[in-house]
Amino acid sequence: MTESGGPVQRLSTPTGARRGVKSPGCHTDGAPSTGEDDPMATQRFLTLDDVAEILNVSWSQAYAMVRRRELRAIQVGGRGQWRVEKDELERFIQQKYAEAGGTLAAEEQVADGVDADSAR
């Protein structure tokens, strides 16, 4: 009972803690977490929300890449629970850079060919 006579209300979180905020070292055997703001710093798998944030696209665009099999992912749990391995996301990004580099090289060759033809 409290001083006002009402029942004591129990908190589901420890005193001073806020819901959704992990204490330092939570799930890390007491070691402080590094890169808490960076989703790629400590996890093996990323959610589609994480992928969308990293690529600066919407969740729907990230999901479309998975559906089109451009980005490899696994489905876990219930419906709509997709996970992308960090290494797969890095491979995807490198592949896109390679494609962009090949496209730029081809465009430069075409531009050089057009310039050579117009000079004749």
Protein backbone atom coordinates (compact mmCIF):
# COMPACT_ATOMS: atom_id res chain seq x y z
CA MET A 1 0.00 0.00 0.00
CA THR A 2 1.13 3.52 -0.74
CA GLU A 3 0.78 6.51 1.56
CA SER A 4 -2.48 7.41 -0.19
CA GLY A 5 -3.88 3.98 0.62
CA GLY A 6 -3.84 2.61 -2.96
CA PRO A 7 -2.08 -0.57 -4.01
CA VAL A 8 1.59 -0.46 -4.93
CA GLN A 9 2.00 -0.48 -8.68
CA ARG A 10 4.74 -2.82 -9.94
CA LEU A 11 6.84 -1.74 -12.88
CA SER A 12 7.75 -4.25 -15.55
CA THR A 13 11.07 -2.52 -16.14
CA PRO A 14 13.83 -1.99 -13.59
CA THR A 15 13.74 1.28 -11.69
CA GLY A 16 14.97 4.10 -13.89
CA ALA A 17 14.94 2.03 -17.08
CA ARG A 18 12.83 2.90 -20.08
CA ARG A 19 11.06 0.41 -22.30
CA GLY A 20 12.87 -0.31 -25.55
CA VAL A 21 16.20 0.98 -24.24
CA LYS A 22 18.78 -1.71 -23.59
CA SER A 23 21.20 -1.30 -20.77
CA PRO A 24 24.90 -1.31 -21.70
CA GLY A 25 26.16 -4.82 -22.18
CA CYS A 26 22.71 -6.35 -22.60
CA HIS A 27 23.10 -9.72 -24.40
CA THR A 28 26.85 -9.20 -24.65
CA ASP A 29 27.96 -10.82 -21.38
CA GLY A 30 28.56 -7.43 -19.79
CA ALA A 31 30.75 -6.08 -22.59
CA PRO A 32 29.67 -2.65 -23.78
CA SER A 33 27.99 -2.61 -27.16
CA THR A 34 29.82 -0.80 -29.94
CA GLY A 35 28.14 0.92 -32.85
CA GLU A 36 24.65 0.73 -31.36
CA ASP A 37 23.39 3.24 -33.95
CA ASP A 38 24.95 1.28 -36.82
CA PRO A 39 22.77 -1.75 -37.65
CA MET A 40 25.68 -3.49 -39.38
CA ALA A 41 28.12 -3.17 -36.46
CA THR A 42 27.22 -6.21 -34.34
CA GLN A 43 24.62 -8.34 -36.12
CA ARG A 44 24.99 -11.18 -38.61
CA PHE A 45 21.52 -10.71 -40.06
CA LEU A 46 19.68 -7.52 -40.96
CA THR A 47 15.97 -6.92 -41.23
CA LEU A 48 14.51 -5.41 -44.39
CA ASP A 49 14.08 -2.19 -42.40
CA ASP A 50 17.84 -2.20 -41.74
CA VAL A 51 18.59 -2.93 -45.40
CA ALA A 52 16.25 -0.16 -46.53
CA GLU A 53 17.94 2.30 -44.16
CA ILE A 54 21.45 1.34 -45.28
CA LEU A 55 20.55 1.58 -48.98
CA ASN A 56 18.41 4.68 -48.42
CA VAL A 57 15.36 3.09 -50.07
CA SER A 58 11.88 2.23 -48.82
CA TRP A 59 11.00 -1.11 -47.21
CA SER A 60 8.92 -1.92 -50.31
CA GLN A 61 11.92 -1.39 -52.58
CA ALA A 62 14.09 -3.61 -50.39
CA TYR A 63 11.39 -6.30 -50.43
CA ALA A 64 11.11 -6.02 -54.23
CA MET A 65 14.86 -6.68 -54.54
CA VAL A 66 14.40 -9.83 -52.46
CA ARG A 67 11.38 -10.93 -54.50
CA ARG A 68 13.27 -10.39 -57.78
CA ARG A 69 16.18 -12.38 -56.26
CA GLU A 70 18.59 -9.50 -56.77
CA LEU A 71 19.29 -9.59 -53.04
CA ARG A 72 19.52 -12.97 -51.31
CA ALA A 73 17.50 -13.28 -48.11
CA ILE A 74 15.97 -15.93 -45.90
CA GLN A 75 12.46 -16.01 -44.53
CA VAL A 76 12.25 -16.75 -40.82
CA GLY A 77 9.28 -17.10 -38.53
CA GLY A 78 5.97 -15.82 -39.74
CA ARG A 79 4.86 -14.06 -42.82
CA GLY A 80 6.98 -11.13 -43.93
CA GLN A 81 9.93 -11.86 -41.64
CA TRP A 82 12.94 -11.62 -43.93
CA ARG A 83 16.60 -11.47 -42.97
CA VAL A 84 19.59 -10.53 -45.11
CA GLU A 85 23.08 -11.57 -44.10
CA LYS A 86 25.54 -8.66 -43.84
CA ASP A 87 27.92 -10.36 -46.26
CA GLU A 88 25.11 -10.76 -48.81
CA LEU A 89 24.29 -7.06 -48.59
CA GLU A 90 27.96 -6.18 -49.10
CA ARG A 91 28.11 -8.55 -52.10
CA PHE A 92 24.98 -6.91 -53.54
CA ILE A 93 26.46 -3.42 -53.13
CA GLN A 94 29.76 -4.47 -54.77
CA GLN A 95 27.83 -6.09 -57.63
CA LYS A 96 25.88 -2.87 -58.22
CA TYR A 97 29.12 -0.86 -58.25
CA ALA A 98 30.59 -3.32 -60.78
CA GLU A 99 27.48 -3.02 -62.97
CA ALA A 100 27.64 0.77 -62.76
CA GLY A 101 31.33 0.72 -63.64
CA GLY A 102 30.68 -1.49 -66.68
CA THR A 103 27.85 0.77 -67.80
CA LEU A 104 30.02 3.87 -67.46
CA ALA A 105 32.86 2.25 -69.42
CA ALA A 106 30.46 1.25 -72.21
CA GLU A 107 28.97 4.75 -72.31
CA GLU A 108 32.46 6.27 -72.53
CA GLN A 109 33.34 3.96 -75.44
CA VAL A 110 30.15 4.95 -77.26
CA ALA A 111 30.84 8.63 -76.58
CA ASP A 112 34.43 8.25 -77.82
CA GLY A 113 33.17 6.47 -80.96
CA VAL A 114 30.61 9.19 -81.62
CA ASP A 115 33.25 11.90 -81.20
CA ALA A 116 35.62 10.08 -83.57
CA ASP A 117 32.87 9.70 -86.20
CA SER A 118 31.82 13.36 -85.96
CA ALA A 119 35.44 14.51 -86.38
CA ARG A 120 35.76 12.75 -89.77
